[in-house]
Amino acid sequence: MFQPSQHDVRAFFCGTWRKQRDGAPLSPLEAQAARWIDEHPEYHAALADEAAALQAVYRVEDGRENPFLHLSMHLSILEQTGIDQPTGIRQAVQLLAARRQSLHEAHHEVMECLGEMIWNSQRSGLPPDGPGYIDCVRRRATS
């Protein structure tokens, strides 16, 4: 299983942004990341300065959103829906995207559910609750 370090993740997104700006060819994964980077112009400055990005600290207490975590979650949700794992996530996200008339907005809501599932798993020491995660997304799709 691939387990990139924080440095690897940040270098990947900064490198993808640099290649995209330069018009350089992108790998398939970089092309997927570039799509989400385009959707978040508020992150462009952070991605443009790789040296600073590698050193930055993003703490909730400071009110700073972590652009690398956010973009990584977009890619995670894209992967989950692509392989429908956990089973049912594809349909739940499609329903939410249709309801919100925006895949991007749907992803942001799914991130809330994903973050909650991970937080609960870490807190309880139990495996992530896939069915509960899908239920959370479905509830958002029907509200």
C-alpha atoms as a PDB file:
ATOM      1  CA  MET A   1       0.000   0.000   0.000  1.00  0.00           C
ATOM      2  CA  PHE A   2       1.272   3.445  -0.901  1.00  0.00           C
ATOM      3  CA  GLN A   3       1.673   5.661   2.157  1.00  0.00           C
ATOM      4  CA  PRO A   4       3.115   9.003   1.132  1.00  0.00           C
ATOM      5  CA  SER A   5       4.650  11.257   3.740  1.00  0.00           C
ATOM      6  CA  GLN A   6       3.432  14.783   4.377  1.00  0.00           C
ATOM      7  CA  HIS A   7       6.414  15.991   2.342  1.00  0.00           C
ATOM      8  CA  ASP A   8       5.476  13.695  -0.565  1.00  0.00           C
ATOM      9  CA  VAL A   9       1.860  14.909  -0.616  1.00  0.00           C
ATOM     10  CA  ARG A  10       2.829  18.566  -0.536  1.00  0.00           C
ATOM     11  CA  ALA A  11       5.521  18.118  -3.195  1.00  0.00           C
ATOM     12  CA  PHE A  12       3.011  16.263  -5.396  1.00  0.00           C
ATOM     13  CA  PHE A  13       0.407  19.039  -5.293  1.00  0.00           C
ATOM     14  CA  CYS A  14       2.988  21.831  -5.674  1.00  0.00           C
ATOM     15  CA  GLY A  15       4.626  19.971  -8.561  1.00  0.00           C
ATOM     16  CA  THR A  16       1.278  19.379 -10.219  1.00  0.00           C
ATOM     17  CA  TRP A  17       0.404  23.073  -9.966  1.00  0.00           C
ATOM     18  CA  ARG A  18       3.818  24.045 -11.376  1.00  0.00           C
ATOM     19  CA  LYS A  19       3.477  21.609 -14.293  1.00  0.00           C
ATOM     20  CA  GLN A  20      -0.054  22.790 -14.993  1.00  0.00           C
ATOM     21  CA  ARG A  21       1.009  26.453 -15.033  1.00  0.00           C
ATOM     22  CA  ASP A  22       3.985  25.620 -17.289  1.00  0.00           C
ATOM     23  CA  GLY A  23       1.830  23.583 -19.685  1.00  0.00           C
ATOM     24  CA  ALA A  24       3.919  20.471 -19.014  1.00  0.00           C
ATOM     25  CA  PRO A  25       2.397  17.020 -19.496  1.00  0.00           C
ATOM     26  CA  LEU A  26       0.569  15.629 -16.474  1.00  0.00           C
ATOM     27  CA  SER A  27       0.291  12.028 -15.337  1.00  0.00           C
ATOM     28  CA  PRO A  28      -3.271  10.715 -14.980  1.00  0.00           C
ATOM     29  CA  LEU A  29      -3.187  11.282 -11.210  1.00  0.00           C
ATOM     30  CA  GLU A  30      -1.764  14.768 -11.670  1.00  0.00           C
ATOM     31  CA  ALA A  31      -4.540  15.546 -14.169  1.00  0.00           C
ATOM     32  CA  GLN A  32      -7.132  14.550 -11.569  1.00  0.00           C
ATOM     33  CA  ALA A  33      -5.395  16.677  -8.940  1.00  0.00           C
ATOM     34  CA  ALA A  34      -5.133  19.611 -11.373  1.00  0.00           C
ATOM     35  CA  ARG A  35      -8.906  19.590 -11.770  1.00  0.00           C
ATOM     36  CA  TRP A  36      -9.401  20.108  -8.048  1.00  0.00           C
ATOM     37  CA  ILE A  37      -6.578  22.653  -7.856  1.00  0.00           C
ATOM     38  CA  ASP A  38      -8.394  24.653 -10.562  1.00  0.00           C
ATOM     39  CA  GLU A  39     -11.537  24.552  -8.422  1.00  0.00           C
ATOM     40  CA  HIS A  40      -9.608  26.128  -5.526  1.00  0.00           C
ATOM     41  CA  PRO A  41      -7.876  29.321  -6.676  1.00  0.00           C
ATOM     42  CA  GLU A  42      -7.534  30.292  -3.019  1.00  0.00           C
ATOM     43  CA  TYR A  43      -4.805  27.624  -2.745  1.00  0.00           C
ATOM     44  CA  HIS A  44      -2.774  28.712  -5.776  1.00  0.00           C
ATOM     45  CA  ALA A  45      -0.399  30.980  -3.847  1.00  0.00           C
ATOM     46  CA  ALA A  46       0.354  28.266  -1.274  1.00  0.00           C
ATOM     47  CA  LEU A  47       0.971  25.727  -4.040  1.00  0.00           C
ATOM     48  CA  ALA A  48       3.230  28.113  -5.958  1.00  0.00           C
ATOM     49  CA  ASP A  49       5.784  28.317  -3.118  1.00  0.00           C
ATOM     50  CA  GLU A  50       6.876  24.734  -2.562  1.00  0.00           C
ATOM     51  CA  ALA A  51       9.606  25.607  -0.044  1.00  0.00           C
ATOM     52  CA  ALA A  52       7.096  27.451   2.150  1.00  0.00           C
ATOM     53  CA  ALA A  53       4.481  24.724   1.624  1.00  0.00           C
ATOM     54  CA  LEU A  54       6.860  22.062   2.897  1.00  0.00           C
ATOM     55  CA  GLN A  55       7.396  24.045   6.110  1.00  0.00           C
ATOM     56  CA  ALA A  56       3.862  25.328   6.699  1.00  0.00           C
ATOM     57  CA  VAL A  57       1.908  24.290   9.745  1.00  0.00           C
ATOM     58  CA  TYR A  58      -1.870  24.217   9.427  1.00  0.00           C
ATOM     59  CA  ARG A  59      -3.580  24.143  12.796  1.00  0.00           C
ATOM     60  CA  VAL A  60      -7.316  24.327  13.258  1.00  0.00           C
ATOM     61  CA  GLU A  61      -6.701  26.522  16.300  1.00  0.00           C
ATOM     62  CA  ASP A  62      -5.079  29.115  14.010  1.00  0.00           C
ATOM     63  CA  GLY A  63      -8.049  29.097  11.653  1.00  0.00           C
ATOM     64  CA  ARG A  64      -5.909  27.932   8.745  1.00  0.00           C
ATOM     65  CA  GLU A  65      -7.373  25.404   6.363  1.00  0.00           C
ATOM     66  CA  ASN A  66      -4.854  22.837   5.150  1.00  0.00           C
ATOM     67  CA  PRO A  67      -4.997  22.984   1.340  1.00  0.00           C
ATOM     68  CA  PHE A  68      -3.083  19.709   1.026  1.00  0.00           C
ATOM     69  CA  LEU A  69      -5.500  17.817   3.238  1.00  0.00           C
ATOM     70  CA  HIS A  70      -8.442  19.357   1.412  1.00  0.00           C
ATOM     71  CA  LEU A  71      -7.114  18.456  -2.037  1.00  0.00           C
ATOM     72  CA  SER A  72      -6.157  14.972  -0.829  1.00  0.00           C
ATOM     73  CA  MET A  73      -9.706  14.438   0.378  1.00  0.00           C
ATOM     74  CA  HIS A  74     -11.027  15.402  -3.059  1.00  0.00           C
ATOM     75  CA  LEU A  75      -8.764  12.725  -4.574  1.00  0.00           C
ATOM     76  CA  SER A  76      -9.802  10.181  -1.935  1.00  0.00           C
ATOM     77  CA  ILE A  77     -13.486  10.742  -2.643  1.00  0.00           C
ATOM     78  CA  LEU A  78     -12.824  10.523  -6.378  1.00  0.00           C
ATOM     79  CA  GLU A  79     -11.064   7.197  -5.854  1.00  0.00           C
ATOM     80  CA  GLN A  80     -13.801   5.888  -3.554  1.00  0.00           C
ATOM     81  CA  THR A  81     -16.513   6.709  -6.071  1.00  0.00           C
ATOM     82  CA  GLY A  82     -14.438   5.324  -8.939  1.00  0.00           C
ATOM     83  CA  ILE A  83     -14.192   1.904  -7.320  1.00  0.00           C
ATOM     84  CA  ASP A  84     -17.420   2.181  -5.271  1.00  0.00           C
ATOM     85  CA  GLN A  85     -15.631   1.455  -2.023  1.00  0.00           C
ATOM     86  CA  PRO A  86     -17.196   1.380   0.471  1.00  0.00           C
ATOM     87  CA  THR A  87     -19.985  -0.168  -1.529  1.00  0.00           C
ATOM     88  CA  GLY A  88     -22.724   2.370  -2.147  1.00  0.00           C
ATOM     89  CA  ILE A  89     -20.554   5.499  -1.949  1.00  0.00           C
ATOM     90  CA  ARG A  90     -20.744   6.074  -5.713  1.00  0.00           C
ATOM     91  CA  GLN A  91     -24.529   6.229  -5.730  1.00  0.00           C
ATOM     92  CA  ALA A  92     -24.653   8.317  -2.548  1.00  0.00           C
ATOM     93  CA  VAL A  93     -22.237  10.897  -3.972  1.00  0.00           C
ATOM     94  CA  GLN A  94     -24.085  10.954  -7.301  1.00  0.00           C
ATOM     95  CA  LEU A  95     -27.351  11.617  -5.464  1.00  0.00           C
ATOM     96  CA  LEU A  96     -25.779  14.384  -3.424  1.00  0.00           C
ATOM     97  CA  ALA A  97     -24.159  15.956  -6.512  1.00  0.00           C
ATOM     98  CA  ALA A  98     -27.509  15.907  -8.325  1.00  0.00           C
ATOM     99  CA  ARG A  99     -29.238  17.441  -5.314  1.00  0.00           C
ATOM    100  CA  ARG A 100     -26.625  20.205  -5.012  1.00  0.00           C
ATOM    101  CA  GLN A 101     -26.217  20.513  -8.795  1.00  0.00           C
ATOM    102  CA  SER A 102     -22.467  20.493  -8.239  1.00  0.00           C
ATOM    103  CA  LEU A 103     -19.989  17.666  -7.822  1.00  0.00           C
ATOM    104  CA  HIS A 104     -17.625  20.116  -6.152  1.00  0.00           C
ATOM    105  CA  GLU A 105     -20.168  21.140  -3.519  1.00  0.00           C
ATOM    106  CA  ALA A 106     -21.100  17.500  -3.029  1.00  0.00           C
ATOM    107  CA  HIS A 107     -17.448  16.636  -2.387  1.00  0.00           C
ATOM    108  CA  HIS A 108     -17.264  19.308   0.294  1.00  0.00           C
ATOM    109  CA  GLU A 109     -20.245  17.787   2.067  1.00  0.00           C
ATOM    110  CA  VAL A 110     -18.836  14.276   1.690  1.00  0.00           C
ATOM    111  CA  MET A 111     -15.626  15.556   3.294  1.00  0.00           C
ATOM    112  CA  GLU A 112     -17.619  16.400   6.406  1.00  0.00           C
ATOM    113  CA  CYS A 113     -18.895  12.816   6.579  1.00  0.00           C
ATOM    114  CA  LEU A 114     -15.471  11.343   5.782  1.00  0.00           C
ATOM    115  CA  GLY A 115     -13.767  13.476   8.413  1.00  0.00           C
ATOM    116  CA  GLU A 116     -16.363  12.503  11.005  1.00  0.00           C
ATOM    117  CA  MET A 117     -15.937   8.804  10.205  1.00  0.00           C
ATOM    118  CA  ILE A 118     -12.146   9.017  10.516  1.00  0.00           C
ATOM    119  CA  TRP A 119     -12.334  11.046  13.719  1.00  0.00           C
ATOM    120  CA  ASN A 120     -14.764   8.553  15.295  1.00  0.00           C
ATOM    121  CA  SER A 121     -12.566   5.634  14.257  1.00  0.00           C
ATOM    122  CA  GLN A 122      -9.449   7.228  15.709  1.00  0.00           C
ATOM    123  CA  ARG A 123     -11.240   8.169  18.913  1.00  0.00           C
ATOM    124  CA  SER A 124     -12.836   4.760  19.441  1.00  0.00           C
ATOM    125  CA  GLY A 125     -10.007   2.591  18.138  1.00  0.00           C
ATOM    126  CA  LEU A 126     -12.537   0.756  15.953  1.00  0.00           C
ATOM    127  CA  PRO A 127     -12.324   0.337  12.177  1.00  0.00           C
ATOM    128  CA  PRO A 128     -13.924   3.062  10.054  1.00  0.00           C
ATOM    129  CA  ASP A 129     -17.703   2.699   9.802  1.00  0.00           C
ATOM    130  CA  GLY A 130     -18.287   2.509   6.035  1.00  0.00           C
ATOM    131  CA  PRO A 131     -22.064   2.043   6.253  1.00  0.00           C
ATOM    132  CA  GLY A 132     -22.332   4.977   8.666  1.00  0.00           C
ATOM    133  CA  TYR A 133     -20.275   7.106   6.284  1.00  0.00           C
ATOM    134  CA  ILE A 134     -22.577   6.275   3.367  1.00  0.00           C
ATOM    135  CA  ASP A 135     -25.640   6.936   5.538  1.00  0.00           C
ATOM    136  CA  CYS A 136     -24.231  10.371   6.386  1.00  0.00           C
ATOM    137  CA  VAL A 137     -23.814  11.184   2.678  1.00  0.00           C
ATOM    138  CA  ARG A 138     -27.297   9.858   1.887  1.00  0.00           C
ATOM    139  CA  ARG A 139     -28.842  11.955   4.655  1.00  0.00           C
ATOM    140  CA  ARG A 140     -27.248  15.039   3.142  1.00  0.00           C
ATOM    141  CA  ALA A 141     -28.545  14.027  -0.295  1.00  0.00           C
ATOM    142  CA  THR A 142     -32.110  13.837   0.999  1.00  0.00           C
ATOM    143  CA  SER A 143     -32.120  16.979   3.135  1.00  0.00           C
END
